[in-house]
Amino acid sequence: MSEIGSVQPADRPAPVVAPVAAAAPARAVAAEPTRTPLEPAVKLDLSAEADAPSPAQTEADYRAQYVRDADARQMVYQVVDPASGDIVVQLPTVTVLKARAYAEREAAQTARAGAQTAQVDRKA
């Protein structure tokens, strides 16, 4: 085996690279645009007038609502299509709500079973 130190570099001249002129900008950069404040991400109006539909509302507009899920004992956000009454979006999803309700039931049963320690036969 040979050592790396015994390898000699090749006797080649370094390649000549031509200098590159700086590219001119394609368009002039405008000054900082004026910024307008953003609207709040979520608006929640709990007044009596909020329940009344606006006259410009069409069937394509969706309706948002909050519902309390009895099994998971949690508030659920839903977006409903007013034309069909179908739930378009729900947070948390139905799967998550069912999993939470199942986990709570299992935890309650485990706590009850833990109070009653059963005898285990460990003989083979």
N, C-alpha and C. Protein backbone atom coordinates (compact mmCIF):
# COMPACT_ATOMS: atom_id res chain seq x y z
N MET A 1 0.83 -1.17 0.00
CA MET A 1 0.00 0.00 0.00
C MET A 1 0.87 1.24 0.00
N SER A 2 0.41 2.25 -0.68
CA SER A 2 1.18 3.50 -0.73
C SER A 2 0.50 4.55 0.13
N GLU A 3 1.27 5.52 0.50
CA GLU A 3 0.73 6.59 1.31
C GLU A 3 0.26 7.73 0.42
N ILE A 4 -0.69 8.46 0.91
CA ILE A 4 -1.21 9.60 0.15
C ILE A 4 -0.12 10.64 -0.07
N GLY A 5 0.77 10.79 0.89
CA GLY A 5 1.81 11.80 0.78
C GLY A 5 2.76 11.55 -0.37
N SER A 6 2.82 10.33 -0.87
CA SER A 6 3.74 10.04 -1.96
C SER A 6 3.15 10.39 -3.33
N VAL A 7 1.89 10.77 -3.39
CA VAL A 7 1.26 11.11 -4.67
C VAL A 7 1.63 12.55 -5.01
N GLN A 8 2.15 12.76 -6.21
CA GLN A 8 2.56 14.08 -6.66
C GLN A 8 1.45 14.72 -7.47
N PRO A 9 1.27 16.05 -7.36
CA PRO A 9 0.24 16.72 -8.16
C PRO A 9 0.62 16.73 -9.64
N ALA A 10 -0.37 16.80 -10.50
CA ALA A 10 -0.12 16.83 -11.94
C ALA A 10 0.47 18.17 -12.31
N ASP A 11 1.36 18.18 -13.30
CA ASP A 11 2.00 19.41 -13.74
C ASP A 11 1.18 20.03 -14.86
N ARG A 12 0.08 20.66 -14.48
CA ARG A 12 -0.77 21.34 -15.45
C ARG A 12 -0.89 22.80 -15.05
N PRO A 13 -0.92 23.68 -16.01
CA PRO A 13 -1.13 25.08 -15.64
C PRO A 13 -2.59 25.30 -15.23
N ALA A 14 -2.81 26.25 -14.37
CA ALA A 14 -4.17 26.57 -13.94
C ALA A 14 -4.95 27.15 -15.10
N PRO A 15 -6.24 26.83 -15.23
CA PRO A 15 -7.02 27.37 -16.34
C PRO A 15 -7.19 28.87 -16.19
N VAL A 16 -7.23 29.54 -17.32
CA VAL A 16 -7.42 30.99 -17.32
C VAL A 16 -8.92 31.26 -17.40
N VAL A 17 -9.40 32.08 -16.47
CA VAL A 17 -10.83 32.41 -16.42
C VAL A 17 -10.98 33.87 -16.76
N ALA A 18 -11.82 34.15 -17.73
CA ALA A 18 -12.05 35.54 -18.14
C ALA A 18 -12.94 36.22 -17.10
N PRO A 19 -12.65 37.48 -16.74
CA PRO A 19 -13.50 38.17 -15.77
C PRO A 19 -14.88 38.43 -16.37
N VAL A 20 -15.89 38.40 -15.52
CA VAL A 20 -17.27 38.61 -15.94
C VAL A 20 -17.70 39.99 -15.48
N ALA A 21 -18.28 40.74 -16.39
CA ALA A 21 -18.78 42.07 -16.05
C ALA A 21 -20.05 41.92 -15.23
N ALA A 22 -20.25 42.84 -14.30
CA ALA A 22 -21.45 42.80 -13.46
C ALA A 22 -22.69 43.04 -14.32
N ALA A 23 -23.71 42.28 -14.08
CA ALA A 23 -24.94 42.41 -14.85
C ALA A 23 -25.73 43.61 -14.36
N ALA A 24 -26.32 44.32 -15.28
CA ALA A 24 -27.15 45.47 -14.94
C ALA A 24 -28.52 44.96 -14.51
N PRO A 25 -29.18 45.61 -13.55
CA PRO A 25 -30.52 45.16 -13.13
C PRO A 25 -31.51 45.26 -14.29
N ALA A 26 -32.42 44.31 -14.37
CA ALA A 26 -33.40 44.27 -15.44
C ALA A 26 -34.38 45.43 -15.34
N ARG A 27 -34.73 45.82 -14.14
CA ARG A 27 -35.65 46.94 -13.95
C ARG A 27 -35.24 47.68 -12.69
N ALA A 28 -35.63 48.88 -12.62
CA ALA A 28 -35.29 49.68 -11.45
C ALA A 28 -36.10 49.20 -10.25
N VAL A 29 -35.49 49.16 -9.11
CA VAL A 29 -36.16 48.71 -7.90
C VAL A 29 -36.94 49.88 -7.33
N ALA A 30 -38.24 49.66 -7.08
CA ALA A 30 -39.09 50.72 -6.56
C ALA A 30 -38.81 50.92 -5.08
N ALA A 31 -39.20 52.05 -4.60
CA ALA A 31 -39.05 52.34 -3.17
C ALA A 31 -39.99 51.43 -2.38
N GLU A 32 -39.80 51.39 -1.09
CA GLU A 32 -40.61 50.55 -0.20
C GLU A 32 -42.10 50.88 -0.39
N PRO A 33 -42.94 49.89 -0.74
CA PRO A 33 -44.37 50.17 -0.93
C PRO A 33 -45.02 50.54 0.41
N THR A 34 -46.07 51.31 0.30
CA THR A 34 -46.78 51.67 1.53
C THR A 34 -47.51 50.44 2.03
N ARG A 35 -47.46 50.24 3.31
CA ARG A 35 -48.08 49.05 3.91
C ARG A 35 -49.36 49.44 4.60
N THR A 36 -50.40 48.65 4.35
CA THR A 36 -51.66 48.86 5.03
C THR A 36 -51.79 47.82 6.13
N PRO A 37 -52.42 48.15 7.23
CA PRO A 37 -52.55 47.16 8.30
C PRO A 37 -53.42 45.99 7.85
N LEU A 38 -53.06 44.81 8.31
CA LEU A 38 -53.81 43.60 7.96
C LEU A 38 -55.09 43.50 8.78
N GLU A 39 -56.08 42.88 8.18
CA GLU A 39 -57.32 42.60 8.90
C GLU A 39 -57.06 41.47 9.88
N PRO A 40 -57.84 41.36 10.95
CA PRO A 40 -57.67 40.22 11.86
C PRO A 40 -57.93 38.91 11.11
N ALA A 41 -57.21 37.86 11.50
CA ALA A 41 -57.35 36.57 10.83
C ALA A 41 -58.73 35.97 11.05
N VAL A 42 -59.30 36.18 12.24
CA VAL A 42 -60.60 35.61 12.58
C VAL A 42 -61.45 36.69 13.21
N LYS A 43 -62.69 36.74 12.79
CA LYS A 43 -63.64 37.67 13.40
C LYS A 43 -64.79 36.84 13.94
N LEU A 44 -65.18 37.12 15.16
CA LEU A 44 -66.29 36.40 15.78
C LEU A 44 -67.27 37.44 16.31
N ASP A 45 -68.45 37.49 15.72
CA ASP A 45 -69.47 38.45 16.11
C ASP A 45 -70.58 37.69 16.82
N LEU A 46 -70.77 37.96 18.10
CA LEU A 46 -71.78 37.27 18.89
C LEU A 46 -73.03 38.10 19.10
N SER A 47 -73.16 39.20 18.39
CA SER A 47 -74.32 40.07 18.55
C SER A 47 -75.55 39.45 17.90
N ALA A 48 -76.71 40.00 18.22
CA ALA A 48 -77.96 39.48 17.67
C ALA A 48 -78.04 39.73 16.17
N GLU A 49 -77.44 40.82 15.71
CA GLU A 49 -77.47 41.13 14.28
C GLU A 49 -76.61 40.17 13.46
N ALA A 50 -75.68 39.49 14.10
CA ALA A 50 -74.79 38.59 13.38
C ALA A 50 -75.52 37.36 12.85
N ASP A 51 -76.60 36.95 13.52
CA ASP A 51 -77.34 35.77 13.08
C ASP A 51 -78.16 36.03 11.82
N ALA A 52 -78.53 37.28 11.58
CA ALA A 52 -79.33 37.61 10.41
C ALA A 52 -78.45 37.55 9.17
N PRO A 53 -78.91 36.85 8.12
CA PRO A 53 -78.08 36.78 6.91
C PRO A 53 -78.02 38.13 6.21
N SER A 54 -76.89 38.42 5.61
CA SER A 54 -76.76 39.68 4.89
C SER A 54 -77.53 39.58 3.58
N PRO A 55 -78.04 40.68 3.08
CA PRO A 55 -78.83 40.61 1.84
C PRO A 55 -78.00 40.19 0.63
N ALA A 56 -76.69 40.41 0.65
CA ALA A 56 -75.85 40.05 -0.49
C ALA A 56 -75.37 38.60 -0.42
N GLN A 57 -75.79 37.87 0.61
CA GLN A 57 -75.31 36.49 0.76
C GLN A 57 -75.94 35.60 -0.31
N THR A 58 -75.09 34.74 -0.91
CA THR A 58 -75.57 33.81 -1.92
C THR A 58 -75.47 32.40 -1.38
N GLU A 59 -75.96 31.44 -2.15
CA GLU A 59 -75.91 30.04 -1.71
C GLU A 59 -74.48 29.51 -1.69
N ALA A 60 -73.58 30.15 -2.44
CA ALA A 60 -72.19 29.69 -2.48
C ALA A 60 -71.43 30.08 -1.22
N ASP A 61 -71.96 31.02 -0.45
CA ASP A 61 -71.28 31.44 0.78
C ASP A 61 -71.46 30.37 1.85
N TYR A 62 -70.38 30.07 2.55
CA TYR A 62 -70.44 29.08 3.61
C TYR A 62 -70.71 29.75 4.94
N ARG A 63 -71.24 28.99 5.88
CA ARG A 63 -71.58 29.50 7.20
C ARG A 63 -70.71 28.79 8.22
N ALA A 64 -70.11 29.55 9.14
CA ALA A 64 -69.25 28.98 10.18
C ALA A 64 -70.06 28.90 11.47
N GLN A 65 -69.84 27.85 12.23
CA GLN A 65 -70.55 27.70 13.50
C GLN A 65 -69.69 26.92 14.48
N TYR A 66 -69.99 27.12 15.75
CA TYR A 66 -69.33 26.38 16.83
C TYR A 66 -70.36 25.47 17.47
N VAL A 67 -70.02 24.20 17.64
CA VAL A 67 -70.92 23.20 18.20
C VAL A 67 -70.18 22.49 19.32
N ARG A 68 -70.90 22.11 20.38
CA ARG A 68 -70.27 21.36 21.47
C ARG A 68 -70.50 19.87 21.22
N ASP A 69 -69.41 19.11 21.13
CA ASP A 69 -69.50 17.67 20.94
C ASP A 69 -69.72 17.02 22.30
N ALA A 70 -70.80 16.25 22.42
CA ALA A 70 -71.17 15.68 23.72
C ALA A 70 -70.22 14.56 24.15
N ASP A 71 -69.80 13.71 23.23
CA ASP A 71 -68.93 12.58 23.60
C ASP A 71 -67.54 13.05 24.04
N ALA A 72 -66.95 13.98 23.30
CA ALA A 72 -65.61 14.46 23.63
C ALA A 72 -65.63 15.64 24.59
N ARG A 73 -66.82 16.18 24.84
CA ARG A 73 -66.99 17.36 25.71
C ARG A 73 -66.03 18.46 25.28
N GLN A 74 -66.16 18.86 24.00
CA GLN A 74 -65.25 19.84 23.42
C GLN A 74 -65.99 20.67 22.39
N MET A 75 -65.54 21.92 22.21
CA MET A 75 -66.11 22.79 21.18
C MET A 75 -65.53 22.39 19.83
N VAL A 76 -66.37 22.40 18.80
CA VAL A 76 -65.98 22.00 17.46
C VAL A 76 -66.33 23.13 16.51
N TYR A 77 -65.39 23.48 15.64
CA TYR A 77 -65.61 24.51 14.62
C TYR A 77 -66.04 23.82 13.34
N GLN A 78 -67.14 24.28 12.75
CA GLN A 78 -67.64 23.67 11.52
C GLN A 78 -67.92 24.75 10.48
N VAL A 79 -67.65 24.44 9.23
CA VAL A 79 -68.04 25.27 8.10
C VAL A 79 -69.12 24.49 7.37
N VAL A 80 -70.29 25.10 7.23
CA VAL A 80 -71.46 24.41 6.69
C VAL A 80 -71.87 25.05 5.37
N ASP A 81 -72.24 24.22 4.40
CA ASP A 81 -72.78 24.70 3.14
C ASP A 81 -74.27 24.98 3.37
N PRO A 82 -74.71 26.22 3.29
CA PRO A 82 -76.10 26.52 3.60
C PRO A 82 -77.10 25.93 2.61
N ALA A 83 -76.67 25.68 1.38
CA ALA A 83 -77.59 25.13 0.39
C ALA A 83 -77.96 23.69 0.72
N SER A 84 -76.97 22.87 1.12
CA SER A 84 -77.24 21.46 1.37
C SER A 84 -77.23 21.11 2.84
N GLY A 85 -76.63 21.96 3.67
CA GLY A 85 -76.53 21.65 5.09
C GLY A 85 -75.37 20.72 5.42
N ASP A 86 -74.55 20.39 4.41
CA ASP A 86 -73.40 19.51 4.63
C ASP A 86 -72.28 20.25 5.34
N ILE A 87 -71.55 19.52 6.18
CA ILE A 87 -70.39 20.08 6.86
C ILE A 87 -69.21 19.96 5.90
N VAL A 88 -68.64 21.11 5.52
CA VAL A 88 -67.54 21.13 4.56
C VAL A 88 -66.21 20.91 5.29
N VAL A 89 -66.00 21.61 6.41
CA VAL A 89 -64.78 21.51 7.19
C VAL A 89 -65.16 21.41 8.65
N GLN A 90 -64.46 20.56 9.39
CA GLN A 90 -64.68 20.46 10.84
C GLN A 90 -63.33 20.33 11.52
N LEU A 91 -63.13 21.14 12.56
CA LEU A 91 -61.90 21.10 13.35
C LEU A 91 -62.24 20.99 14.81
N PRO A 92 -61.77 20.04 15.54
CA PRO A 92 -61.03 18.85 15.11
C PRO A 92 -61.95 17.91 14.33
N THR A 93 -61.34 17.04 13.56
CA THR A 93 -62.10 16.15 12.69
C THR A 93 -62.88 15.11 13.51
N VAL A 94 -63.80 14.45 12.85
CA VAL A 94 -64.62 13.42 13.50
C VAL A 94 -63.74 12.30 14.03
N THR A 95 -62.71 11.93 13.28
CA THR A 95 -61.80 10.86 13.71
C THR A 95 -61.09 11.22 15.01
N VAL A 96 -60.64 12.46 15.11
CA VAL A 96 -59.95 12.91 16.32
C VAL A 96 -60.91 12.92 17.49
N LEU A 97 -62.14 13.38 17.28
CA LEU A 97 -63.13 13.40 18.37
C LEU A 97 -63.44 12.00 18.87
N LYS A 98 -63.60 11.04 17.93
CA LYS A 98 -63.88 9.66 18.33
C LYS A 98 -62.69 9.07 19.08
N ALA A 99 -61.48 9.36 18.63
CA ALA A 99 -60.29 8.84 19.30
C ALA A 99 -60.16 9.39 20.71
N ARG A 100 -60.47 10.68 20.89
CA ARG A 100 -60.41 11.27 22.23
C ARG A 100 -61.46 10.67 23.16
N ALA A 101 -62.67 10.50 22.65
CA ALA A 101 -63.73 9.91 23.46
C ALA A 101 -63.36 8.47 23.84
N TYR A 102 -62.81 7.71 22.89
CA TYR A 102 -62.40 6.33 23.17
C TYR A 102 -61.28 6.31 24.21
N ALA A 103 -60.30 7.19 24.06
CA ALA A 103 -59.18 7.23 24.99
C ALA A 103 -59.64 7.60 26.40
N GLU A 104 -60.58 8.53 26.50
CA GLU A 104 -61.10 8.90 27.83
C GLU A 104 -61.85 7.74 28.47
N ARG A 105 -62.65 7.02 27.66
CA ARG A 105 -63.37 5.86 28.20
C ARG A 105 -62.40 4.78 28.66
N GLU A 106 -61.37 4.51 27.87
CA GLU A 106 -60.37 3.50 28.24
C GLU A 106 -59.61 3.91 29.50
N ALA A 107 -59.29 5.19 29.63
CA ALA A 107 -58.58 5.66 30.81
C ALA A 107 -59.45 5.51 32.05
N ALA A 108 -60.74 5.80 31.90
CA ALA A 108 -61.65 5.64 33.04
C ALA A 108 -61.78 4.17 33.43
N GLN A 109 -61.88 3.28 32.45
CA GLN A 109 -61.98 1.86 32.75
C GLN A 109 -60.69 1.33 33.37
N THR A 110 -59.55 1.81 32.91
CA THR A 110 -58.27 1.39 33.47
C THR A 110 -58.14 1.86 34.91
N ALA A 111 -58.61 3.08 35.18
CA ALA A 111 -58.55 3.59 36.55
C ALA A 111 -59.43 2.77 37.47
N ARG A 112 -60.61 2.37 36.98
CA ARG A 112 -61.50 1.52 37.79
C ARG A 112 -60.90 0.14 37.98
N ALA A 113 -60.29 -0.41 36.95
CA ALA A 113 -59.69 -1.75 37.04
C ALA A 113 -58.45 -1.71 37.93
N GLY A 114 -57.74 -0.60 37.95
CA GLY A 114 -56.56 -0.47 38.79
C GLY A 114 -56.92 -0.47 40.26
N ALA A 115 -58.12 0.01 40.58
CA ALA A 115 -58.57 0.01 41.95
C ALA A 115 -58.86 -1.42 42.42
N GLN A 116 -59.29 -2.26 41.52
CA GLN A 116 -59.56 -3.66 41.83
C GLN A 116 -58.40 -4.49 41.28
N THR A 117 -57.40 -4.73 42.06
CA THR A 117 -56.25 -5.51 41.58
C THR A 117 -56.64 -6.97 41.47
N ALA A 118 -56.45 -7.50 40.29
CA ALA A 118 -56.79 -8.91 40.07
C ALA A 118 -55.56 -9.78 40.33
N GLN A 119 -55.81 -10.99 40.80
CA GLN A 119 -54.73 -11.95 41.04
C GLN A 119 -54.35 -12.58 39.70
N VAL A 120 -53.07 -12.62 39.42
CA VAL A 120 -52.58 -13.18 38.17
C VAL A 120 -51.85 -14.49 38.51
N ASP A 121 -52.19 -15.57 37.78
CA ASP A 121 -51.52 -16.84 37.95
C ASP A 121 -50.26 -16.84 37.12
N ARG A 122 -49.11 -16.85 37.76
CA ARG A 122 -47.84 -16.76 37.05
C ARG A 122 -47.15 -18.12 36.95
N LYS A 123 -47.84 -19.22 37.16
CA LYS A 123 -47.24 -20.55 37.02
C LYS A 123 -47.32 -20.99 35.58
N ALA A 124 -46.27 -21.58 35.11
CA ALA A 124 -46.26 -22.05 33.73
C ALA A 124 -46.64 -23.50 33.65
